């Protein structure tokens, strides 16, 4: 889990305006095929979650890196969600020759994310305001 803050203003076609100083909590697992970014409002409430399907990250002690497989999900505070960029994943799976295992793992990652969202399991749970305040 990483705590981060945007250092510039960003305009994103799906996420809207992300102002400099916007805080987020990034969740990474070294054995999972996805990561989750929790964007926070100024009051510490969850603005939205953004999930990336990717190969499991590697961490060398200082740098965390991963290969994004293009499929994303946006999850709203009411836990409704939308799967994004399936067409990019399909095109790139052909272009880059994703293996049968990579295709299977990506599909399974989406299923796992949907299950976590629908069951309100970590990290798709409300944050306590004091926990957010202590983190930053």
N, C-alpha and C. Protein backbone atom coordinates (compact mmCIF):
# COMPACT_ATOMS: atom_id res chain seq x y z
N UNK A 1 0.85 -1.16 0.00
CA UNK A 1 0.00 0.00 0.00
C UNK A 1 0.90 1.23 0.00
N UNK A 2 0.61 2.13 -0.91
CA UNK A 2 1.35 3.39 -1.01
C UNK A 2 0.39 4.56 -0.86
N UNK A 3 0.84 5.60 -0.22
CA UNK A 3 0.08 6.83 -0.14
C UNK A 3 0.73 7.81 -1.09
N UNK A 4 -0.06 8.43 -1.95
CA UNK A 4 0.49 9.30 -2.98
C UNK A 4 -0.35 10.56 -3.11
N UNK A 5 0.20 11.50 -3.84
CA UNK A 5 -0.46 12.77 -4.08
C UNK A 5 -0.06 13.27 -5.46
N UNK A 6 -1.03 13.75 -6.22
CA UNK A 6 -0.72 14.30 -7.54
C UNK A 6 0.05 15.60 -7.37
N UNK A 7 1.13 15.75 -8.14
CA UNK A 7 1.93 16.97 -8.05
C UNK A 7 1.64 17.95 -9.18
N UNK A 8 0.71 17.59 -10.07
CA UNK A 8 0.26 18.48 -11.15
C UNK A 8 -1.24 18.29 -11.34
N UNK A 9 -1.88 19.24 -11.99
CA UNK A 9 -3.28 19.08 -12.39
C UNK A 9 -3.34 18.16 -13.59
N UNK A 10 -4.34 17.27 -13.62
CA UNK A 10 -4.50 16.33 -14.71
C UNK A 10 -5.95 16.35 -15.15
N UNK A 11 -6.16 16.33 -16.46
CA UNK A 11 -7.50 16.20 -17.02
C UNK A 11 -7.58 14.83 -17.67
N UNK A 12 -8.48 13.98 -17.16
CA UNK A 12 -8.61 12.62 -17.65
C UNK A 12 -10.00 12.43 -18.23
N UNK A 13 -10.10 11.81 -19.40
CA UNK A 13 -11.38 11.70 -20.10
C UNK A 13 -12.42 10.90 -19.32
N UNK A 14 -12.02 10.04 -18.40
CA UNK A 14 -12.98 9.27 -17.60
C UNK A 14 -13.05 9.74 -16.15
N UNK A 15 -11.94 10.17 -15.62
CA UNK A 15 -11.87 10.52 -14.22
C UNK A 15 -12.16 11.99 -13.95
N UNK A 16 -12.22 12.78 -15.01
CA UNK A 16 -12.47 14.21 -14.85
C UNK A 16 -11.22 14.96 -14.47
N UNK A 17 -11.42 16.07 -13.80
CA UNK A 17 -10.30 16.91 -13.38
C UNK A 17 -9.71 16.36 -12.08
N UNK A 18 -8.43 16.15 -12.10
CA UNK A 18 -7.72 15.70 -10.91
C UNK A 18 -6.77 16.84 -10.55
N UNK A 19 -7.06 17.50 -9.47
CA UNK A 19 -6.30 18.67 -9.07
C UNK A 19 -4.99 18.28 -8.38
N UNK A 20 -4.01 19.12 -8.55
CA UNK A 20 -2.75 18.97 -7.83
C UNK A 20 -3.08 18.86 -6.35
N UNK A 21 -2.45 17.93 -5.68
CA UNK A 21 -2.71 17.72 -4.25
C UNK A 21 -3.73 16.63 -3.98
N UNK A 22 -4.41 16.15 -5.03
CA UNK A 22 -5.36 15.05 -4.84
C UNK A 22 -4.61 13.85 -4.26
N UNK A 23 -5.18 13.30 -3.19
CA UNK A 23 -4.53 12.17 -2.52
C UNK A 23 -5.14 10.86 -3.00
N UNK A 24 -4.31 9.83 -3.00
CA UNK A 24 -4.80 8.50 -3.31
C UNK A 24 -4.02 7.47 -2.54
N UNK A 25 -4.64 6.32 -2.39
CA UNK A 25 -3.99 5.17 -1.78
C UNK A 25 -3.90 4.12 -2.88
N UNK A 26 -2.70 3.62 -3.09
CA UNK A 26 -2.46 2.63 -4.14
C UNK A 26 -2.20 1.28 -3.48
N UNK A 27 -2.94 0.28 -3.94
CA UNK A 27 -2.81 -1.08 -3.40
C UNK A 27 -2.17 -1.97 -4.45
N UNK A 28 -1.06 -2.61 -4.06
CA UNK A 28 -0.36 -3.53 -4.94
C UNK A 28 -0.16 -4.86 -4.20
N UNK A 29 -0.25 -5.94 -4.94
CA UNK A 29 0.03 -7.28 -4.42
C UNK A 29 1.03 -7.91 -5.37
N UNK A 30 2.05 -8.52 -4.84
CA UNK A 30 3.11 -9.07 -5.68
C UNK A 30 2.71 -10.36 -6.39
N UNK A 31 1.58 -10.94 -6.01
CA UNK A 31 1.14 -12.19 -6.63
C UNK A 31 -0.20 -12.06 -7.37
N UNK A 32 -0.76 -10.87 -7.40
CA UNK A 32 -2.05 -10.67 -8.07
C UNK A 32 -1.87 -9.96 -9.40
N UNK A 33 -2.82 -10.21 -10.30
CA UNK A 33 -2.79 -9.65 -11.65
C UNK A 33 -3.60 -8.37 -11.74
N UNK A 34 -3.61 -7.56 -10.70
CA UNK A 34 -4.30 -6.27 -10.71
C UNK A 34 -3.74 -5.39 -9.60
N UNK A 35 -4.02 -4.10 -9.71
CA UNK A 35 -3.78 -3.16 -8.63
C UNK A 35 -5.00 -2.25 -8.53
N UNK A 36 -5.10 -1.54 -7.43
CA UNK A 36 -6.26 -0.69 -7.17
C UNK A 36 -5.77 0.65 -6.65
N UNK A 37 -6.27 1.72 -7.25
CA UNK A 37 -5.99 3.08 -6.78
C UNK A 37 -7.27 3.64 -6.20
N UNK A 38 -7.22 4.10 -4.97
CA UNK A 38 -8.37 4.73 -4.30
C UNK A 38 -8.13 6.25 -4.30
N UNK A 39 -8.91 6.96 -5.08
CA UNK A 39 -8.82 8.42 -5.13
C UNK A 39 -9.67 8.99 -4.00
N UNK A 40 -9.11 9.98 -3.29
CA UNK A 40 -9.79 10.56 -2.14
C UNK A 40 -10.22 11.99 -2.41
N UNK A 41 -11.36 12.35 -1.83
CA UNK A 41 -11.79 13.75 -1.81
C UNK A 41 -11.00 14.49 -0.74
N UNK A 42 -11.14 15.80 -0.71
CA UNK A 42 -10.42 16.61 0.28
C UNK A 42 -10.74 16.18 1.71
N UNK A 43 -11.97 15.71 1.95
CA UNK A 43 -12.37 15.30 3.30
C UNK A 43 -11.94 13.87 3.65
N UNK A 44 -11.25 13.20 2.74
CA UNK A 44 -10.79 11.84 2.99
C UNK A 44 -11.74 10.76 2.54
N UNK A 45 -12.94 11.15 2.09
CA UNK A 45 -13.90 10.16 1.59
C UNK A 45 -13.43 9.66 0.23
N UNK A 46 -13.83 8.46 -0.11
CA UNK A 46 -13.45 7.88 -1.39
C UNK A 46 -14.18 8.58 -2.53
N UNK A 47 -13.42 9.08 -3.49
CA UNK A 47 -14.00 9.69 -4.69
C UNK A 47 -14.33 8.60 -5.71
N UNK A 48 -13.39 7.68 -5.89
CA UNK A 48 -13.58 6.54 -6.79
C UNK A 48 -12.39 5.61 -6.66
N UNK A 49 -12.55 4.41 -7.19
CA UNK A 49 -11.45 3.46 -7.31
C UNK A 49 -11.15 3.30 -8.79
N UNK A 50 -9.88 3.14 -9.11
CA UNK A 50 -9.47 2.85 -10.47
C UNK A 50 -8.61 1.60 -10.40
N UNK A 51 -9.00 0.56 -11.13
CA UNK A 51 -8.31 -0.72 -11.08
C UNK A 51 -7.64 -1.00 -12.42
N UNK A 52 -6.44 -1.49 -12.36
CA UNK A 52 -5.69 -1.89 -13.55
C UNK A 52 -5.49 -3.40 -13.53
N UNK A 53 -5.76 -4.06 -14.64
CA UNK A 53 -5.37 -5.46 -14.80
C UNK A 53 -3.97 -5.43 -15.37
N UNK A 54 -3.05 -6.14 -14.71
CA UNK A 54 -1.65 -6.11 -15.10
C UNK A 54 -0.96 -7.40 -14.67
N UNK A 55 0.21 -7.61 -15.22
CA UNK A 55 1.02 -8.72 -14.74
C UNK A 55 1.44 -8.40 -13.30
N UNK A 56 1.66 -9.42 -12.48
CA UNK A 56 2.09 -9.13 -11.10
C UNK A 56 3.33 -8.24 -11.09
N UNK A 57 3.34 -7.27 -10.20
CA UNK A 57 4.47 -6.35 -10.16
C UNK A 57 5.74 -6.99 -9.61
N UNK A 58 6.83 -6.34 -9.92
CA UNK A 58 8.12 -6.72 -9.38
C UNK A 58 8.62 -5.56 -8.53
N UNK A 59 9.24 -5.90 -7.41
CA UNK A 59 9.78 -4.88 -6.51
C UNK A 59 11.23 -5.22 -6.22
N UNK A 60 12.13 -4.30 -6.55
CA UNK A 60 13.56 -4.56 -6.37
C UNK A 60 14.10 -3.96 -5.07
N UNK A 61 13.20 -3.54 -4.20
CA UNK A 61 13.62 -2.90 -2.95
C UNK A 61 13.46 -1.39 -2.99
N UNK A 62 13.41 -0.84 -4.21
CA UNK A 62 13.22 0.61 -4.37
C UNK A 62 12.17 0.94 -5.42
N UNK A 63 12.12 0.18 -6.49
CA UNK A 63 11.23 0.48 -7.60
C UNK A 63 10.22 -0.64 -7.78
N UNK A 64 8.96 -0.26 -7.87
CA UNK A 64 7.88 -1.20 -8.16
C UNK A 64 7.51 -1.00 -9.62
N UNK A 65 7.53 -2.08 -10.40
CA UNK A 65 7.18 -1.96 -11.82
C UNK A 65 6.25 -3.10 -12.20
N UNK A 66 5.41 -2.82 -13.21
CA UNK A 66 4.49 -3.84 -13.69
C UNK A 66 4.12 -3.55 -15.13
N UNK A 67 3.60 -4.58 -15.82
CA UNK A 67 3.15 -4.42 -17.20
C UNK A 67 1.64 -4.36 -17.20
N UNK A 68 1.11 -3.24 -17.63
CA UNK A 68 -0.33 -3.00 -17.69
C UNK A 68 -0.89 -3.75 -18.89
N UNK A 69 -1.97 -4.50 -18.67
CA UNK A 69 -2.59 -5.27 -19.75
C UNK A 69 -3.82 -4.58 -20.33
N UNK A 70 -3.96 -3.31 -20.10
CA UNK A 70 -4.94 -2.44 -20.75
C UNK A 70 -6.35 -2.48 -20.17
N UNK A 71 -6.82 -3.59 -19.62
CA UNK A 71 -8.18 -3.61 -19.08
C UNK A 71 -8.18 -2.86 -17.76
N UNK A 72 -9.12 -1.95 -17.62
CA UNK A 72 -9.26 -1.16 -16.40
C UNK A 72 -10.69 -1.26 -15.91
N UNK A 73 -10.87 -0.86 -14.67
CA UNK A 73 -12.21 -0.75 -14.10
C UNK A 73 -12.29 0.55 -13.32
N UNK A 74 -13.42 1.18 -13.40
CA UNK A 74 -13.70 2.33 -12.54
C UNK A 74 -14.81 1.89 -11.60
N UNK A 75 -14.63 2.18 -10.32
CA UNK A 75 -15.59 1.80 -9.30
C UNK A 75 -15.99 3.08 -8.55
N UNK A 76 -17.26 3.36 -8.56
CA UNK A 76 -17.78 4.56 -7.91
C UNK A 76 -18.00 4.32 -6.42
N UNK A 77 -18.16 5.38 -5.64
CA UNK A 77 -18.34 5.21 -4.19
C UNK A 77 -19.55 4.35 -3.82
N UNK A 78 -20.55 4.26 -4.70
CA UNK A 78 -21.70 3.38 -4.43
C UNK A 78 -21.43 1.94 -4.85
N UNK A 79 -20.19 1.67 -5.28
CA UNK A 79 -19.70 0.36 -5.70
C UNK A 79 -20.28 -0.13 -7.02
N UNK A 80 -20.89 0.76 -7.77
CA UNK A 80 -21.20 0.41 -9.16
C UNK A 80 -19.88 0.47 -9.91
N UNK A 81 -19.74 -0.31 -10.96
CA UNK A 81 -18.47 -0.38 -11.64
C UNK A 81 -18.66 -0.53 -13.14
N UNK A 82 -17.60 -0.23 -13.85
CA UNK A 82 -17.60 -0.33 -15.31
C UNK A 82 -16.25 -0.88 -15.75
N UNK A 83 -16.27 -1.87 -16.61
CA UNK A 83 -15.04 -2.42 -17.18
C UNK A 83 -14.69 -1.59 -18.41
N UNK A 84 -13.44 -1.15 -18.48
CA UNK A 84 -12.99 -0.24 -19.53
C UNK A 84 -11.91 -0.89 -20.39
N UNK A 85 -11.82 -0.47 -21.61
CA UNK A 85 -10.69 -0.77 -22.50
C UNK A 85 -10.57 -2.25 -22.89
N UNK A 86 -11.67 -2.98 -22.88
CA UNK A 86 -11.63 -4.38 -23.32
C UNK A 86 -11.17 -4.49 -24.77
N UNK A 87 -11.55 -3.50 -25.58
CA UNK A 87 -11.14 -3.51 -26.99
C UNK A 87 -9.62 -3.34 -27.13
N UNK A 88 -9.03 -2.48 -26.30
CA UNK A 88 -7.57 -2.31 -26.32
C UNK A 88 -6.87 -3.60 -25.90
N UNK A 89 -7.41 -4.26 -24.88
CA UNK A 89 -6.83 -5.52 -24.42
C UNK A 89 -6.86 -6.55 -25.55
N UNK A 90 -7.98 -6.65 -26.21
CA UNK A 90 -8.11 -7.63 -27.30
C UNK A 90 -7.11 -7.33 -28.42
N UNK A 91 -7.03 -6.06 -28.82
CA UNK A 91 -6.11 -5.68 -29.89
C UNK A 91 -4.66 -5.94 -29.49
N UNK A 92 -4.31 -5.52 -28.26
CA UNK A 92 -2.92 -5.68 -27.83
C UNK A 92 -2.55 -7.13 -27.54
N UNK A 93 -3.55 -7.94 -27.16
CA UNK A 93 -3.24 -9.35 -26.93
C UNK A 93 -2.79 -10.01 -28.23
N UNK A 94 -3.36 -9.55 -29.35
CA UNK A 94 -2.94 -10.07 -30.66
C UNK A 94 -1.61 -9.44 -31.08
N UNK A 95 -1.52 -8.13 -30.92
CA UNK A 95 -0.31 -7.41 -31.34
C UNK A 95 0.94 -7.90 -30.60
N UNK A 96 0.81 -8.11 -29.27
CA UNK A 96 1.96 -8.50 -28.47
C UNK A 96 2.02 -10.01 -28.19
N UNK A 97 1.07 -10.74 -28.72
CA UNK A 97 1.09 -12.20 -28.58
C UNK A 97 0.96 -12.69 -27.15
N UNK A 98 -0.02 -12.17 -26.42
CA UNK A 98 -0.24 -12.65 -25.05
C UNK A 98 -0.46 -14.15 -25.08
N UNK A 99 0.13 -14.83 -24.13
CA UNK A 99 0.00 -16.29 -24.05
C UNK A 99 -1.40 -16.66 -23.54
N UNK A 100 -1.74 -17.93 -23.70
CA UNK A 100 -3.02 -18.43 -23.19
C UNK A 100 -3.09 -18.21 -21.67
N UNK A 101 -1.97 -18.39 -20.98
CA UNK A 101 -1.95 -18.17 -19.53
C UNK A 101 -2.20 -16.71 -19.19
N UNK A 102 -1.59 -15.78 -19.93
CA UNK A 102 -1.81 -14.35 -19.67
C UNK A 102 -3.26 -13.98 -19.91
N UNK A 103 -3.86 -14.51 -20.96
CA UNK A 103 -5.28 -14.24 -21.24
C UNK A 103 -6.14 -14.78 -20.10
N UNK A 104 -5.85 -15.97 -19.65
CA UNK A 104 -6.60 -16.60 -18.55
C UNK A 104 -6.44 -15.80 -17.27
N UNK A 105 -5.21 -15.39 -16.97
CA UNK A 105 -4.95 -14.62 -15.74
C UNK A 105 -5.66 -13.28 -15.76
N UNK A 106 -5.70 -12.62 -16.90
CA UNK A 106 -6.40 -11.34 -17.02
C UNK A 106 -7.90 -11.51 -16.79
N UNK A 107 -8.45 -12.55 -17.38
CA UNK A 107 -9.88 -12.84 -17.20
C UNK A 107 -10.18 -13.15 -15.74
N UNK A 108 -9.32 -13.93 -15.12
CA UNK A 108 -9.50 -14.27 -13.70
C UNK A 108 -9.35 -13.04 -12.81
N UNK A 109 -8.43 -12.15 -13.16
CA UNK A 109 -8.26 -10.91 -12.38
C UNK A 109 -9.54 -10.08 -12.38
N UNK A 110 -10.19 -9.97 -13.54
CA UNK A 110 -11.46 -9.25 -13.60
C UNK A 110 -12.50 -9.90 -12.71
N UNK A 111 -12.59 -11.22 -12.75
CA UNK A 111 -13.55 -11.94 -11.91
C UNK A 111 -13.27 -11.69 -10.43
N UNK A 112 -12.00 -11.70 -10.06
CA UNK A 112 -11.63 -11.46 -8.67
C UNK A 112 -12.01 -10.05 -8.23
N UNK A 113 -11.73 -9.07 -9.09
CA UNK A 113 -12.08 -7.69 -8.76
C UNK A 113 -13.60 -7.54 -8.60
N UNK A 114 -14.36 -8.09 -9.51
CA UNK A 114 -15.83 -8.00 -9.42
C UNK A 114 -16.31 -8.64 -8.12
N UNK A 115 -15.75 -9.77 -7.76
CA UNK A 115 -16.14 -10.44 -6.52
C UNK A 115 -15.82 -9.57 -5.30
N UNK A 116 -14.61 -9.02 -5.27
CA UNK A 116 -14.23 -8.15 -4.15
C UNK A 116 -15.17 -6.95 -4.04
N UNK A 117 -15.51 -6.35 -5.18
CA UNK A 117 -16.41 -5.20 -5.19
C UNK A 117 -17.79 -5.60 -4.67
N UNK A 118 -18.34 -6.65 -5.23
CA UNK A 118 -19.70 -7.05 -4.87
C UNK A 118 -19.81 -7.51 -3.42
N UNK A 119 -18.74 -8.10 -2.88
CA UNK A 119 -18.76 -8.56 -1.50
C UNK A 119 -18.24 -7.49 -0.53
N UNK A 120 -17.83 -6.33 -1.08
CA UNK A 120 -17.30 -5.22 -0.29
C UNK A 120 -16.10 -5.67 0.55
N UNK A 121 -15.22 -6.44 -0.09
CA UNK A 121 -14.02 -6.90 0.59
C UNK A 121 -12.86 -5.96 0.29
N UNK A 122 -11.86 -6.01 1.13
CA UNK A 122 -10.70 -5.15 1.01
C UNK A 122 -10.16 -5.19 -0.42
N UNK A 123 -9.86 -4.04 -0.99
CA UNK A 123 -9.86 -2.69 -0.43
C UNK A 123 -11.16 -1.92 -0.66
N UNK A 124 -12.20 -2.60 -1.11
CA UNK A 124 -13.46 -1.94 -1.46
C UNK A 124 -14.37 -1.83 -0.25
N UNK A 125 -13.87 -1.13 0.75
CA UNK A 125 -14.60 -0.88 1.98
C UNK A 125 -14.44 0.59 2.33
N UNK A 126 -15.39 1.13 3.07
CA UNK A 126 -15.24 2.52 3.49
C UNK A 126 -14.00 2.71 4.36
N UNK A 127 -13.37 3.86 4.24
CA UNK A 127 -12.23 4.20 5.08
C UNK A 127 -12.72 5.02 6.26
N UNK A 128 -12.09 4.84 7.39
CA UNK A 128 -12.39 5.67 8.54
C UNK A 128 -11.59 6.96 8.39
N UNK A 129 -12.22 8.07 8.67
CA UNK A 129 -11.58 9.38 8.47
C UNK A 129 -10.27 9.48 9.25
N UNK A 130 -10.21 8.95 10.47
CA UNK A 130 -8.98 9.05 11.24
C UNK A 130 -7.84 8.25 10.62
N UNK A 131 -8.15 7.16 9.96
CA UNK A 131 -7.12 6.36 9.28
C UNK A 131 -6.53 7.12 8.11
N UNK A 132 -7.37 7.85 7.39
CA UNK A 132 -6.89 8.66 6.27
C UNK A 132 -6.02 9.79 6.77
N UNK A 133 -6.47 10.46 7.82
CA UNK A 133 -5.72 11.59 8.36
C UNK A 133 -4.33 11.15 8.82
N UNK A 134 -4.24 9.99 9.47
CA UNK A 134 -2.96 9.49 9.95
C UNK A 134 -2.03 9.11 8.80
N UNK A 135 -2.61 8.67 7.69
CA UNK A 135 -1.81 8.22 6.56
C UNK A 135 -1.09 9.36 5.87
N UNK A 136 -1.66 10.56 5.93
CA UNK A 136 -1.07 11.69 5.23
C UNK A 136 -0.53 12.64 6.24
